[in-house]
Amino acid sequence: MSKKSKLVLTILSSLLLLLVIVNIFVSLGNQSIQGELGERQQAISQTIHLETLNRQLINVLASLALKTNDEALKKVLAAGGINLPGEAEPGPAKK
């Protein structure tokens, strides 16, 4: 083997080693991003389940407020932006 071919092979092997090291760092970065993404997906999934539970809770409270004609509960629901069926929305004040 000539000196020139040894030099070319050494440069290529050094370049290959450098690329392997870069690949390792990139894959480690991808793993951390994938972990963060998994946590976000779990949070979104939990939020969807809680949204369903919140809707059910609001429906039960609204039904209870209408059945018992509980003004305090109606005010709490109205303060949260929940309009009860059959309830008139407060309009502008008349002079």
C-alpha atoms as a PDB file:
ATOM      1  CA  MET A   1       0.000   0.000   0.000  1.00  0.00           C
ATOM      2  CA  SER A   2       1.276   3.399  -0.870  1.00  0.00           C
ATOM      3  CA  LYS A   3       1.477   6.386   1.437  1.00  0.00           C
ATOM      4  CA  LYS A   4      -1.240   8.151  -0.534  1.00  0.00           C
ATOM      5  CA  SER A   5      -3.756   5.306  -0.144  1.00  0.00           C
ATOM      6  CA  LYS A   6      -2.984   5.036   3.597  1.00  0.00           C
ATOM      7  CA  LEU A   7      -3.617   8.759   3.982  1.00  0.00           C
ATOM      8  CA  VAL A   8      -6.925   8.543   2.082  1.00  0.00           C
ATOM      9  CA  LEU A   9      -8.056   5.548   4.152  1.00  0.00           C
ATOM     10  CA  THR A  10      -7.091   7.285   7.396  1.00  0.00           C
ATOM     11  CA  ILE A  11      -9.042  10.406   6.426  1.00  0.00           C
ATOM     12  CA  LEU A  12     -12.080   8.343   5.419  1.00  0.00           C
ATOM     13  CA  SER A  13     -12.003   6.294   8.620  1.00  0.00           C
ATOM     14  CA  SER A  14     -11.690   9.497  10.693  1.00  0.00           C
ATOM     15  CA  LEU A  15     -14.645  10.972   8.840  1.00  0.00           C
ATOM     16  CA  LEU A  16     -16.621   7.790   9.436  1.00  0.00           C
ATOM     17  CA  LEU A  17     -15.828   7.899  13.158  1.00  0.00           C
ATOM     18  CA  LEU A  18     -16.930  11.529  13.300  1.00  0.00           C
ATOM     19  CA  LEU A  19     -20.207  10.659  11.560  1.00  0.00           C
ATOM     20  CA  VAL A  20     -20.841   7.808  14.014  1.00  0.00           C
ATOM     21  CA  ILE A  21     -20.329  10.177  16.956  1.00  0.00           C
ATOM     22  CA  VAL A  22     -22.688  12.744  15.406  1.00  0.00           C
ATOM     23  CA  ASN A  23     -25.238   9.998  14.820  1.00  0.00           C
ATOM     24  CA  ILE A  24     -25.071   8.990  18.494  1.00  0.00           C
ATOM     25  CA  PHE A  25     -25.723  12.563  19.654  1.00  0.00           C
ATOM     26  CA  VAL A  26     -28.598  13.003  17.222  1.00  0.00           C
ATOM     27  CA  SER A  27     -30.232   9.754  18.338  1.00  0.00           C
ATOM     28  CA  LEU A  28     -29.911  10.792  22.000  1.00  0.00           C
ATOM     29  CA  GLY A  29     -31.583  14.106  21.157  1.00  0.00           C
ATOM     30  CA  ASN A  30     -34.365  12.271  19.342  1.00  0.00           C
ATOM     31  CA  GLN A  31     -34.946  10.022  22.347  1.00  0.00           C
ATOM     32  CA  SER A  32     -35.391  12.998  24.660  1.00  0.00           C
ATOM     33  CA  ILE A  33     -37.778  14.648  22.190  1.00  0.00           C
ATOM     34  CA  GLN A  34     -39.773  11.416  21.883  1.00  0.00           C
ATOM     35  CA  GLY A  35     -40.025  11.198  25.675  1.00  0.00           C
ATOM     36  CA  GLU A  36     -41.310  14.757  25.886  1.00  0.00           C
ATOM     37  CA  LEU A  37     -43.781  14.074  23.089  1.00  0.00           C
ATOM     38  CA  GLY A  38     -45.067  11.002  24.921  1.00  0.00           C
ATOM     39  CA  GLU A  39     -45.641  13.070  28.067  1.00  0.00           C
ATOM     40  CA  ARG A  40     -47.563  15.680  26.080  1.00  0.00           C
ATOM     41  CA  GLN A  41     -49.712  13.025  24.412  1.00  0.00           C
ATOM     42  CA  GLN A  42     -50.522  11.569  27.830  1.00  0.00           C
ATOM     43  CA  ALA A  43     -51.494  15.011  29.149  1.00  0.00           C
ATOM     44  CA  ILE A  44     -53.768  15.584  26.142  1.00  0.00           C
ATOM     45  CA  SER A  45     -55.397  12.191  26.638  1.00  0.00           C
ATOM     46  CA  GLN A  46     -56.010  12.905  30.308  1.00  0.00           C
ATOM     47  CA  THR A  47     -57.461  16.300  29.456  1.00  0.00           C
ATOM     48  CA  ILE A  48     -59.930  14.709  27.047  1.00  0.00           C
ATOM     49  CA  HIS A  49     -61.090  12.318  29.762  1.00  0.00           C
ATOM     50  CA  LEU A  50     -61.421  15.189  32.245  1.00  0.00           C
ATOM     51  CA  GLU A  51     -63.393  17.236  29.719  1.00  0.00           C
ATOM     52  CA  THR A  52     -65.941  14.419  29.472  1.00  0.00           C
ATOM     53  CA  LEU A  53     -66.154  14.229  33.252  1.00  0.00           C
ATOM     54  CA  ASN A  54     -66.572  18.018  33.493  1.00  0.00           C
ATOM     55  CA  ARG A  55     -69.445  17.949  30.996  1.00  0.00           C
ATOM     56  CA  GLN A  56     -71.193  15.202  32.951  1.00  0.00           C
ATOM     57  CA  LEU A  57     -70.722  17.105  36.208  1.00  0.00           C
ATOM     58  CA  ILE A  58     -72.130  20.303  34.685  1.00  0.00           C
ATOM     59  CA  ASN A  59     -75.148  18.403  33.328  1.00  0.00           C
ATOM     60  CA  VAL A  60     -75.862  16.898  36.756  1.00  0.00           C
ATOM     61  CA  LEU A  61     -75.507  20.279  38.479  1.00  0.00           C
ATOM     62  CA  ALA A  62     -77.738  21.964  35.885  1.00  0.00           C
ATOM     63  CA  SER A  63     -80.400  19.271  36.297  1.00  0.00           C
ATOM     64  CA  LEU A  64     -80.216  19.585  40.067  1.00  0.00           C
ATOM     65  CA  ALA A  65     -80.487  23.382  39.889  1.00  0.00           C
ATOM     66  CA  LEU A  66     -83.575  23.133  37.675  1.00  0.00           C
ATOM     67  CA  LYS A  67     -85.253  20.398  39.739  1.00  0.00           C
ATOM     68  CA  THR A  68     -84.710  22.071  43.108  1.00  0.00           C
ATOM     69  CA  ASN A  69     -84.944  25.639  41.762  1.00  0.00           C
ATOM     70  CA  ASP A  70     -81.759  26.441  43.692  1.00  0.00           C
ATOM     71  CA  GLU A  71     -80.970  30.082  42.948  1.00  0.00           C
ATOM     72  CA  ALA A  72     -77.485  29.946  44.471  1.00  0.00           C
ATOM     73  CA  LEU A  73     -76.528  26.994  42.266  1.00  0.00           C
ATOM     74  CA  LYS A  74     -78.015  28.721  39.232  1.00  0.00           C
ATOM     75  CA  LYS A  75     -75.897  31.792  39.977  1.00  0.00           C
ATOM     76  CA  VAL A  76     -72.759  29.667  40.304  1.00  0.00           C
ATOM     77  CA  LEU A  77     -73.480  27.994  36.967  1.00  0.00           C
ATOM     78  CA  ALA A  78     -74.251  31.347  35.326  1.00  0.00           C
ATOM     79  CA  ALA A  79     -70.979  32.774  36.672  1.00  0.00           C
ATOM     80  CA  GLY A  80     -69.198  29.877  34.954  1.00  0.00           C
ATOM     81  CA  GLY A  81     -70.913  30.702  31.659  1.00  0.00           C
ATOM     82  CA  ILE A  82     -73.451  27.866  31.819  1.00  0.00           C
ATOM     83  CA  ASN A  83     -76.875  28.881  30.485  1.00  0.00           C
ATOM     84  CA  LEU A  84     -79.663  26.734  31.852  1.00  0.00           C
ATOM     85  CA  PRO A  85     -82.501  25.764  29.529  1.00  0.00           C
ATOM     86  CA  GLY A  86     -85.650  27.725  30.220  1.00  0.00           C
ATOM     87  CA  GLU A  87     -83.714  30.456  31.981  1.00  0.00           C
ATOM     88  CA  ALA A  88     -83.811  33.922  30.472  1.00  0.00           C
ATOM     89  CA  GLU A  89     -80.405  35.349  29.793  1.00  0.00           C
ATOM     90  CA  PRO A  90     -79.860  38.618  31.578  1.00  0.00           C
ATOM     91  CA  GLY A  91     -80.437  41.426  29.134  1.00  0.00           C
ATOM     92  CA  PRO A  92     -79.400  45.051  29.244  1.00  0.00           C
ATOM     93  CA  ALA A  93     -80.753  46.948  32.216  1.00  0.00           C
ATOM     94  CA  LYS A  94     -83.866  49.014  31.488  1.00  0.00           C
ATOM     95  CA  LYS A  95     -84.116  52.629  32.587  1.00  0.00           C
END
